[in-house]
Protein backbone atom coordinates (compact mmCIF):
# COMPACT_ATOMS: atom_id res chain seq x y z
CA MET A 1 125.25 43.17 -31.58
CA LEU A 2 122.68 40.68 -32.35
CA PRO A 3 119.13 41.31 -31.39
CA LYS A 4 117.78 39.16 -28.57
CA VAL A 5 115.36 36.53 -29.55
CA GLU A 6 112.47 36.20 -27.19
CA LYS A 7 110.52 33.01 -26.76
CA PRO A 8 107.19 34.20 -25.48
CA SER A 9 105.23 31.31 -26.94
CA GLN A 10 107.36 28.81 -25.09
CA LEU A 11 106.80 30.50 -21.69
CA ASN A 12 103.08 30.59 -22.30
CA LEU A 13 103.16 26.89 -23.15
CA VAL A 14 104.85 26.05 -19.79
CA GLU A 15 102.41 28.22 -17.87
CA GLY A 16 99.54 26.53 -19.70
CA LEU A 17 100.87 23.08 -18.73
CA ASP A 18 101.22 24.16 -15.08
CA LYS A 19 97.66 25.49 -15.03
CA GLU A 20 96.35 22.28 -16.57
CA LYS A 21 98.22 20.20 -13.98
CA LYS A 22 96.82 22.32 -11.14
CA ILE A 23 93.27 22.03 -12.47
CA LYS A 24 93.70 18.29 -12.97
CA ARG A 25 95.08 17.89 -9.43
CA LYS A 26 92.18 19.89 -7.96
CA ARG A 27 89.70 17.74 -9.86
CA LEU A 28 91.37 14.58 -8.56
CA VAL A 29 91.32 15.87 -4.96
CA VAL A 30 87.62 16.79 -5.21
CA ALA A 31 86.79 13.43 -6.82
CA GLY A 32 88.79 11.61 -4.12
CA LEU A 33 87.01 13.49 -1.32
CA LEU A 34 83.63 12.71 -2.88
CA MET A 35 84.54 9.03 -3.09
CA VAL A 36 85.71 8.95 0.55
CA THR A 37 82.49 10.71 1.65
CA ALA A 38 80.33 8.30 -0.32
CA GLY A 39 82.29 5.33 1.02
CA LEU A 40 81.91 6.44 4.63
CA SER A 41 78.21 7.08 4.16
CA LEU A 42 77.76 3.65 2.63
CA GLY A 43 79.76 2.08 5.47
CA PHE A 44 77.67 3.75 8.18
CA TRP A 45 74.43 2.84 6.39
CA GLY A 46 75.56 -0.79 6.20
CA TYR A 47 76.54 -0.82 9.87
CA ARG A 48 73.15 0.60 10.87
CA LYS A 49 71.40 -2.14 8.87
CA ILE A 50 73.55 -4.97 10.30
CA LYS A 51 73.66 -3.74 13.93
CA PRO A 52 70.18 -5.06 14.92
CA ILE A 53 71.08 -8.49 13.59
CA LEU A 54 74.36 -8.57 15.54
CA SER A 55 73.04 -7.09 18.78
CA GLY A 56 70.27 -9.68 19.11
CA GLY A 57 72.57 -12.30 20.61
CA ILE A 58 75.46 -10.13 21.78
CA LYS A 59 75.19 -7.95 24.90
CA SER A 60 77.24 -4.82 25.28
CA LYS A 61 79.56 -4.53 28.29
CA ARG A 62 77.25 -1.93 29.85
CA GLU A 63 74.19 -4.22 29.61
CA ALA A 64 76.15 -7.12 31.09
CA VAL A 65 77.37 -5.01 34.03
CA THR A 66 73.86 -3.63 34.66
CA GLU A 67 72.42 -7.16 34.63
CA GLU A 68 75.15 -8.34 37.01
CA ILE A 69 74.39 -5.47 39.43
CA LYS A 70 70.70 -6.34 39.40
CA ILE A 71 71.44 -9.93 40.26
CA ARG A 72 73.93 -9.10 43.02
CA TYR A 73 72.12 -6.19 44.74
CA ASP A 74 70.52 -7.48 47.93
CA PRO A 75 69.06 -4.93 50.34
CA GLU A 76 68.97 -7.57 53.09
CA LYS A 77 72.77 -7.86 53.17
CA GLU A 78 73.28 -4.10 52.96
CA ILE A 79 70.89 -3.46 55.85
CA ASP A 80 72.61 -6.12 57.97
CA LYS A 81 75.88 -4.21 57.49
CA ILE A 82 74.28 -1.01 58.81
CA ILE A 83 72.20 -2.43 61.68
CA LYS A 84 74.28 -4.49 64.05
CA ASN A 85 71.96 -4.81 67.09
CA ASN A 86 68.23 -5.37 67.61
CA GLN A 87 67.55 -6.30 64.00
CA GLU A 88 64.22 -7.85 64.94
CA ARG A 89 62.92 -4.43 66.08
CA TRP A 90 63.49 -2.80 62.71
CA TYR A 91 61.06 -3.02 59.80
CA PHE A 92 61.41 -1.97 56.18
CA TYR A 93 59.31 -1.75 53.06
CA VAL A 94 60.19 -0.58 49.55
CA LYS A 95 57.97 -0.57 46.49
CA SER A 96 58.54 0.68 42.97
CA GLU A 97 56.43 -0.12 39.92
CA ASP A 98 57.97 -3.55 39.37
CA TYR A 99 59.67 -4.35 42.69
CA VAL A 100 58.45 -4.95 46.25
CA TRP A 101 60.63 -5.91 49.20
CA SER A 102 59.93 -5.94 52.92
CA ARG A 103 61.44 -7.15 56.17
CA ASN A 104 59.58 -7.52 59.51
CA PHE A 105 56.83 -5.37 58.01
CA SER A 106 53.19 -5.83 59.00
CA GLY A 107 51.77 -3.83 56.11
CA ILE A 108 50.13 -0.56 55.13
CA ASN A 109 47.63 0.54 52.57
CA VAL A 110 50.09 1.44 49.82
CA GLU A 111 47.74 3.60 47.76
CA GLU A 112 46.63 5.54 50.83
CA ALA A 113 50.26 6.10 51.89
CA ARG A 114 51.20 7.22 48.37
CA ARG A 115 48.25 9.65 48.24
CA GLU A 116 49.04 10.96 51.72
CA LEU A 117 52.71 11.50 50.88
CA GLY A 118 51.83 13.06 47.52
CA GLU A 119 50.00 15.87 49.34
CA ILE A 120 53.08 16.77 51.39
CA LYS A 121 55.23 19.55 49.97
CA THR A 122 58.87 18.78 49.26
CA GLY A 123 60.97 20.29 52.02
CA GLU A 124 63.63 19.39 54.54
CA SER A 125 64.36 15.70 54.36
CA ARG A 126 66.17 13.25 56.59
CA LEU A 127 66.89 11.08 53.54
CA LYS A 128 68.52 13.81 51.46
CA GLU A 129 72.08 13.07 52.67
CA GLY A 130 72.19 9.54 51.31
CA LEU A 131 70.37 10.10 48.02
CA PRO A 132 71.45 11.67 44.71
CA ARG A 133 70.75 15.34 44.05
CA GLY A 134 67.80 16.45 42.00
CA ILE A 135 65.27 13.88 43.16
CA LYS A 136 61.95 14.82 44.73
CA ILE A 137 61.49 13.56 48.29
CA GLN A 138 58.19 13.75 50.17
CA GLU A 139 58.37 12.26 53.65
CA LYS A 140 56.45 11.97 56.87
CA MET A 141 57.87 11.03 60.27
CA ALA A 142 55.68 9.49 62.97
CA GLU A 143 56.91 8.99 66.52
CA GLY A 144 55.44 7.08 69.42
CA GLY A 145 56.92 5.67 72.61
CA ASP A 146 60.57 4.92 71.95
CA GLY A 147 60.05 4.08 68.29
CA TRP A 148 59.52 5.97 65.08
CA GLU A 149 58.45 5.41 61.48
CA LEU A 150 59.53 7.28 58.37
CA ARG A 151 57.45 7.05 55.20
CA ALA A 152 58.86 8.56 52.04
CA LEU A 153 57.89 8.88 48.42
CA VAL A 154 60.98 9.44 46.26
CA THR A 155 60.33 10.52 42.68
CA VAL A 156 62.85 10.37 39.86
CA PRO A 157 62.03 10.72 36.18
CA ASN A 158 59.92 7.73 35.09
CA LYS A 159 59.90 6.07 38.53
CA GLU A 160 58.47 6.41 42.04
CA VAL A 161 59.83 4.59 45.06
CA LEU A 162 57.75 4.27 48.23
CA MET A 163 59.83 3.54 51.35
CA VAL A 164 59.02 2.81 54.96
CA ILE A 165 61.73 2.65 57.61
CA GLY A 166 60.79 2.03 61.22
CA VAL A 167 62.04 0.84 64.56
CA MET A 168 60.08 -0.26 67.64
CA GLU A 169 61.10 0.64 71.18
CA THR A 170 64.88 0.44 71.20
CA GLY A 171 65.45 3.18 73.76
CA GLU A 172 68.10 4.68 71.44
CA ARG A 173 66.02 7.11 69.41
CA GLU A 174 68.87 9.45 68.44
CA LYS A 175 71.22 6.62 67.45
CA THR A 176 68.57 4.99 65.29
CA ARG A 177 67.66 8.28 63.61
CA ALA A 178 71.29 8.75 62.62
CA LEU A 179 70.97 5.62 60.45
CA ILE A 180 68.11 7.04 58.33
CA PRO A 181 70.28 8.37 55.43
CA SER A 182 72.19 5.09 55.09
CA LEU A 183 69.06 2.94 55.26
CA GLY A 184 67.21 5.24 52.88
CA GLN A 185 70.04 4.94 50.40
CA VAL A 186 69.85 1.12 50.49
CA LEU A 187 66.07 1.10 49.96
CA TYR A 188 66.28 3.74 47.23
CA TRP A 189 68.80 1.74 45.20
CA ALA A 190 66.81 -1.45 45.75
CA GLY A 191 63.72 0.25 44.31
CA ILE A 192 65.58 1.85 41.41
CA GLN A 193 67.86 -1.02 40.34
CA ASN A 194 65.61 -4.02 40.80
């Protein structure tokens, strides 16, 4: 029999080519990933630089909707929906840092009312039902004859809203008190949104 001829050098050559291909492929993958990363970084940097130029004249959908709400929100209409009878006996006042609205209101010393309400501890509130959770409500209720007046200082981060809701001699004290949460909600949103 003839002795078998082995070709060890040829096998090593194939293995060497496979190793070189694998190394080359890994290098290409790493280089490709680096190029993609650099390209994305450059793209985001460019977007950040161009965004202020583009946003100067273009409003986002959220800004447009917020502006539309501010224009359309009218506490007068909302209150008319809640109070059907004896509207002339009701009076309202709302004040935030850049908004003041009143109806049938004779006036109070705003700073004195704010100071007075600021001394009251936050506790049970008649307004709590109609307002969002997590806000601080300090209120004072005054009653006389058949009427009543509610003064409240509502504090949210970065804003304070002073509200006065009152009614004069309607003879329906319990019915009018039941409207406090709804009316407080209208005045709160007027003070916050406008």
